């Protein structure tokens, strides 16, 4: 399992590096300027679906990239794409399974297998948040988020003869592909500088029914995230070197003027 997880992480990292290179070529020196910050967003989220009998949150991790774009003064637009992100709910009850018309597993003797049933929904998520940055390095943000579902399944985790087993029943056709809702959050800039990381907490509530024909089934999720600027450190170092060179040039000009 650890080997597969490492492979997945390497593939995701490779994809993100390629995305970074492409975005850098498009935007050039505008990246991580005074008006634009680009970087990676990663963290975890705890999701639930309303109108289900189970109230258990499912926890997953997220990964994507972001743009923090200055509008005016302390007002910004925060957007990007979470390319590895999830919705869902854990420990579905028998009533939930019947509602979803999902399969309950039995052994060859007709005995029900013990384990947990979880609804998992993989989506691309795009926030479009208005962010206000306070002078104490904190921020508040709010706005819409849109999601595109690309994979969905009921996962059953069990143990058979001391062997862990996982079964997936895909139900993409029973779930609305597009989700939209509102998001609000707060955050804090660590290390208090342009190259510093940002720690944030945000909450999302969806307005679209998750399951087709089942009203009241709305996504909700709590996110704990870390924003990591890319290239900002190199640009800051470059500016320092340029300032240093300018100072040295001025000193040379002054010294040459005195000699003359």
Protein backbone atom coordinates (compact mmCIF):
# COMPACT_ATOMS: atom_id res chain seq x y z
CA UNK A 1 0.00 0.00 0.00
CA UNK A 2 2.85 2.40 0.86
CA UNK A 3 4.49 1.69 -2.49
CA UNK A 4 1.30 2.54 -4.38
CA UNK A 5 0.82 5.71 -2.31
CA UNK A 6 4.39 6.80 -3.09
CA UNK A 7 3.81 6.19 -6.81
CA UNK A 8 0.60 8.25 -6.71
CA UNK A 9 2.34 11.10 -4.88
CA UNK A 10 5.17 11.11 -7.43
CA UNK A 11 2.70 11.17 -10.33
CA UNK A 12 0.73 14.03 -8.76
CA UNK A 13 3.95 15.92 -8.01
CA UNK A 14 5.07 15.44 -11.62
CA UNK A 15 1.75 16.73 -12.92
CA UNK A 16 1.98 19.77 -10.64
CA UNK A 17 5.53 20.54 -11.78
CA UNK A 18 4.42 20.37 -15.43
CA UNK A 19 1.50 22.68 -14.61
CA UNK A 20 3.83 25.10 -12.86
CA UNK A 21 6.18 25.22 -15.87
CA UNK A 22 3.25 25.82 -18.25
CA UNK A 23 1.77 28.58 -16.08
CA UNK A 24 5.21 30.18 -15.68
CA UNK A 25 5.65 30.27 -19.47
CA UNK A 26 2.22 31.89 -19.87
CA UNK A 27 2.48 34.53 -17.14
CA UNK A 28 6.25 34.99 -17.04
CA UNK A 29 7.52 37.64 -14.60
CA UNK A 30 3.99 38.53 -13.51
CA UNK A 31 3.94 35.47 -11.22
CA UNK A 32 4.33 36.38 -7.54
CA UNK A 33 4.49 40.09 -8.22
CA UNK A 34 2.83 42.70 -6.00
CA UNK A 35 -0.44 42.04 -7.78
CA UNK A 36 -0.35 38.27 -8.22
CA UNK A 37 0.71 35.30 -6.10
CA UNK A 38 0.84 31.78 -7.51
CA UNK A 39 1.46 28.57 -5.56
CA UNK A 40 0.33 25.16 -4.39
CA UNK A 41 -2.60 24.50 -2.06
CA UNK A 42 -2.68 21.29 -0.06
CA UNK A 43 -4.34 19.96 3.06
CA UNK A 44 -7.21 17.85 4.32
CA UNK A 45 -10.98 18.09 4.32
CA UNK A 46 -13.86 16.56 6.28
CA UNK A 47 -17.00 16.09 4.18
CA UNK A 48 -20.61 15.12 4.77
CA UNK A 49 -23.84 14.83 2.78
CA UNK A 50 -27.07 16.11 4.31
CA UNK A 51 -30.37 14.18 4.42
CA UNK A 52 -28.52 10.90 4.97
CA UNK A 53 -29.08 8.81 8.09
CA UNK A 54 -25.35 8.63 8.75
CA UNK A 55 -23.73 11.77 10.13
CA UNK A 56 -20.14 10.51 9.92
CA UNK A 57 -17.68 12.77 8.11
CA UNK A 58 -15.25 11.28 5.65
CA UNK A 59 -11.72 12.66 5.70
CA UNK A 60 -9.50 12.97 2.61
CA UNK A 61 -6.55 15.07 1.43
CA UNK A 62 -6.45 17.72 -1.30
CA UNK A 63 -3.87 19.09 -3.70
CA UNK A 64 -4.03 21.84 -6.29
CA UNK A 65 -2.74 25.27 -7.31
CA UNK A 66 -4.00 28.78 -6.63
CA UNK A 67 -3.86 32.38 -7.83
CA UNK A 68 -4.16 35.25 -5.33
CA UNK A 69 -4.92 38.31 -7.47
CA UNK A 70 -4.93 41.86 -6.10
CA UNK A 71 -8.00 43.95 -6.95
CA UNK A 72 -7.33 47.12 -5.00
CA UNK A 73 -5.49 47.88 -1.77
CA UNK A 74 -6.27 44.96 0.58
CA UNK A 75 -8.91 43.32 -1.64
CA UNK A 76 -7.98 40.17 -3.60
CA UNK A 77 -9.56 37.44 -5.73
CA UNK A 78 -8.54 33.91 -4.71
CA UNK A 79 -9.03 31.20 -7.32
CA UNK A 80 -7.37 28.11 -8.78
CA UNK A 81 -8.11 24.40 -9.11
CA UNK A 82 -8.03 21.56 -6.60
CA UNK A 83 -7.11 18.68 -8.91
CA UNK A 84 -7.07 16.10 -6.10
CA UNK A 85 -10.18 16.70 -4.01
CA UNK A 86 -13.17 14.81 -2.65
CA UNK A 87 -16.68 14.93 -1.24
CA UNK A 88 -18.55 12.10 0.46
CA UNK A 89 -19.81 10.57 3.69
CA UNK A 90 -18.74 7.63 5.87
CA UNK A 91 -20.42 4.63 7.49
CA UNK A 92 -23.59 4.45 5.42
CA UNK A 93 -26.51 2.82 7.23
CA UNK A 94 -28.78 0.13 5.77
CA UNK A 95 -31.35 2.84 5.12
CA UNK A 96 -28.75 4.89 3.25
CA UNK A 97 -27.72 1.85 1.22
CA UNK A 98 -31.34 1.21 0.25
CA UNK A 99 -31.77 4.87 -0.69
CA UNK A 100 -28.73 4.65 -2.94
CA UNK A 101 -29.78 1.23 -4.25
CA UNK A 102 -26.28 0.01 -3.36
CA UNK A 103 -25.14 -3.57 -2.89
CA UNK A 104 -24.72 -5.12 0.58
CA UNK A 105 -22.11 -7.89 0.61
CA UNK A 106 -22.49 -11.45 1.97
CA UNK A 107 -20.12 -14.43 2.10
CA UNK A 108 -20.67 -17.75 0.32
CA UNK A 109 -22.73 -19.01 3.27
CA UNK A 110 -25.15 -16.10 3.11
CA UNK A 111 -23.71 -14.38 6.17
CA UNK A 112 -23.42 -10.63 6.00
CA UNK A 113 -19.84 -9.35 5.90
CA UNK A 114 -18.86 -6.90 8.62
CA UNK A 115 -17.36 -3.60 7.52
CA UNK A 116 -17.98 0.02 6.57
CA UNK A 117 -19.73 1.44 3.51
CA UNK A 118 -18.58 4.90 2.38
CA UNK A 119 -19.76 7.16 -0.42
CA UNK A 120 -16.77 8.75 -2.16
CA UNK A 121 -16.95 11.48 -4.81
CA UNK A 122 -13.84 12.69 -6.64
CA UNK A 123 -14.15 16.17 -8.11
CA UNK A 124 -12.24 19.07 -9.58
CA UNK A 125 -13.00 22.13 -7.44
CA UNK A 126 -12.70 25.78 -8.50
CA UNK A 127 -13.21 28.50 -5.86
CA UNK A 128 -13.81 32.15 -6.78
CA UNK A 129 -13.42 33.93 -3.46
CA UNK A 130 -13.15 37.59 -2.55
CA UNK A 131 -10.39 37.89 0.06
CA UNK A 132 -9.73 40.83 2.39
CA UNK A 133 -6.29 40.91 4.00
CA UNK A 134 -6.04 42.53 7.41
CA UNK A 135 -2.94 44.38 8.60
CA UNK A 136 -2.24 41.73 11.26
CA UNK A 137 -1.43 39.14 8.51
CA UNK A 138 -4.86 37.52 8.77
CA UNK A 139 -7.48 37.37 6.04
CA UNK A 140 -11.18 36.62 5.62
CA UNK A 141 -12.71 35.32 2.40
CA UNK A 142 -16.07 34.34 0.93
CA UNK A 143 -17.62 33.49 -2.41
CA UNK A 144 -18.82 30.66 -4.67
CA UNK A 145 -17.15 27.35 -5.45
CA UNK A 146 -17.89 25.14 -8.46
CA UNK A 147 -17.08 21.43 -8.74
CA UNK A 148 -16.97 18.90 -11.56
CA UNK A 149 -17.40 15.26 -10.51
CA UNK A 150 -15.27 12.77 -12.46
CA UNK A 151 -15.53 9.62 -10.33
CA UNK A 152 -17.98 8.33 -7.72
CA UNK A 153 -18.45 5.02 -5.92
CA UNK A 154 -19.66 3.31 -2.75
CA UNK A 155 -16.64 1.72 -1.12
CA UNK A 156 -16.96 -1.28 1.19
CA UNK A 157 -14.00 -2.01 3.48
CA UNK A 158 -13.97 -5.38 5.21
CA UNK A 159 -11.73 -8.23 6.36
CA UNK A 160 -12.01 -11.73 4.93
CA UNK A 161 -9.97 -14.53 6.54
CA UNK A 162 -7.67 -11.93 8.16
CA UNK A 163 -7.14 -10.24 4.79
CA UNK A 164 -8.18 -6.62 4.29
CA UNK A 165 -10.47 -6.28 1.30
CA UNK A 166 -12.01 -3.31 -0.51
CA UNK A 167 -14.95 -3.40 -2.92
CA UNK A 168 -16.07 -0.47 -5.08
CA UNK A 169 -19.51 -0.10 -6.63
CA UNK A 170 -19.37 2.81 -9.07
CA UNK A 171 -22.45 5.02 -9.11
CA UNK A 172 -21.40 7.99 -11.23
CA UNK A 173 -24.68 7.86 -13.16
CA UNK A 174 -26.68 8.46 -9.94
CA UNK A 175 -24.85 11.67 -8.98
CA UNK A 176 -25.16 15.18 -10.43
CA UNK A 177 -21.97 16.00 -12.28
CA UNK A 178 -21.90 19.71 -11.38
CA UNK A 179 -21.96 21.04 -7.83
CA UNK A 180 -22.08 24.70 -6.79
CA UNK A 181 -22.28 26.42 -3.44
CA UNK A 182 -20.79 29.03 -1.13
CA UNK A 183 -17.55 29.03 0.80
CA UNK A 184 -16.18 31.18 3.63
CA UNK A 185 -12.88 31.04 5.44
CA UNK A 186 -10.13 32.67 7.47
CA UNK A 187 -6.36 32.37 7.37
CA UNK A 188 -3.04 33.63 8.65
CA UNK A 189 0.22 34.44 6.83
CA UNK A 190 3.09 32.62 8.53
CA UNK A 191 6.53 34.26 8.83
CA UNK A 192 4.93 37.59 7.83
CA UNK A 193 6.59 37.97 4.43
CA UNK A 194 5.85 37.48 0.75
CA UNK A 195 7.54 34.08 0.64
CA UNK A 196 5.77 32.87 3.79
CA UNK A 197 3.27 30.05 3.81
CA UNK A 198 -0.40 30.68 4.63
CA UNK A 199 -2.48 28.49 6.94
CA UNK A 200 -6.23 28.59 6.35
CA UNK A 201 -9.55 27.13 7.44
CA UNK A 202 -12.68 27.26 5.27
CA UNK A 203 -16.21 25.84 5.12
CA UNK A 204 -18.26 24.92 2.04
CA UNK A 205 -21.96 24.22 1.60
CA UNK A 206 -23.43 23.06 -1.71
CA UNK A 207 -26.77 24.13 -3.17
CA UNK A 208 -27.13 21.26 -5.67
CA UNK A 209 -28.55 17.85 -4.79
CA UNK A 210 -25.73 15.32 -4.73
CA UNK A 211 -27.92 12.37 -5.77
CA UNK A 212 -30.29 12.66 -8.72
CA UNK A 213 -33.93 12.60 -7.63
CA UNK A 214 -33.10 12.77 -3.89
CA UNK A 215 -33.77 16.28 -2.57
CA UNK A 216 -31.91 17.73 0.39
CA UNK A 217 -28.70 15.78 -0.28
CA UNK A 218 -26.18 18.62 -0.21
CA UNK A 219 -22.41 18.52 0.09
CA UNK A 220 -20.72 20.21 3.02
CA UNK A 221 -17.03 20.23 3.84
CA UNK A 222 -14.48 21.71 6.25
CA UNK A 223 -11.01 22.37 4.80
CA UNK A 224 -7.70 22.82 6.60
CA UNK A 225 -5.22 24.06 4.01
CA UNK A 226 -1.69 25.31 3.50
CA UNK A 227 -0.80 27.72 0.68
CA UNK A 228 2.81 27.58 -0.53
CA UNK A 229 3.99 30.32 -2.95
CA UNK A 230 6.17 29.08 -5.81
CA UNK A 231 9.02 31.18 -7.16
CA UNK A 232 8.47 34.02 -4.70
CA UNK A 233 11.68 33.27 -2.83
CA UNK A 234 13.74 33.32 -6.03
CA UNK A 235 12.15 36.58 -7.11
CA UNK A 236 12.77 38.18 -3.69
CA UNK A 237 16.40 37.09 -3.81
CA UNK A 238 16.74 38.50 -7.31
CA UNK A 239 15.36 41.87 -6.16
CA UNK A 240 17.84 41.94 -3.28
CA UNK A 241 20.71 41.28 -5.66
CA UNK A 242 19.48 44.00 -8.02
CA UNK A 243 19.24 46.51 -5.15
CA UNK A 244 22.73 45.54 -4.02
CA UNK A 245 24.11 46.04 -7.54
CA UNK A 246 22.42 49.44 -7.83
CA UNK A 247 23.94 50.55 -4.52
CA UNK A 248 27.37 49.45 -5.66
CA UNK A 249 26.94 51.29 -8.96
CA UNK A 250 25.93 54.49 -7.11
CA UNK A 251 28.98 54.20 -4.86
CA UNK A 252 31.22 53.80 -7.92
CA UNK A 253 29.60 56.83 -9.55
CA UNK A 254 30.13 58.93 -6.40
CA UNK A 255 33.73 57.80 -6.03
CA UNK A 256 34.47 58.48 -9.71
CA UNK A 257 32.84 61.93 -9.39
CA UNK A 258 35.07 62.82 -6.44
CA UNK A 259 38.17 61.73 -8.30
CA UNK A 260 37.22 63.94 -11.19
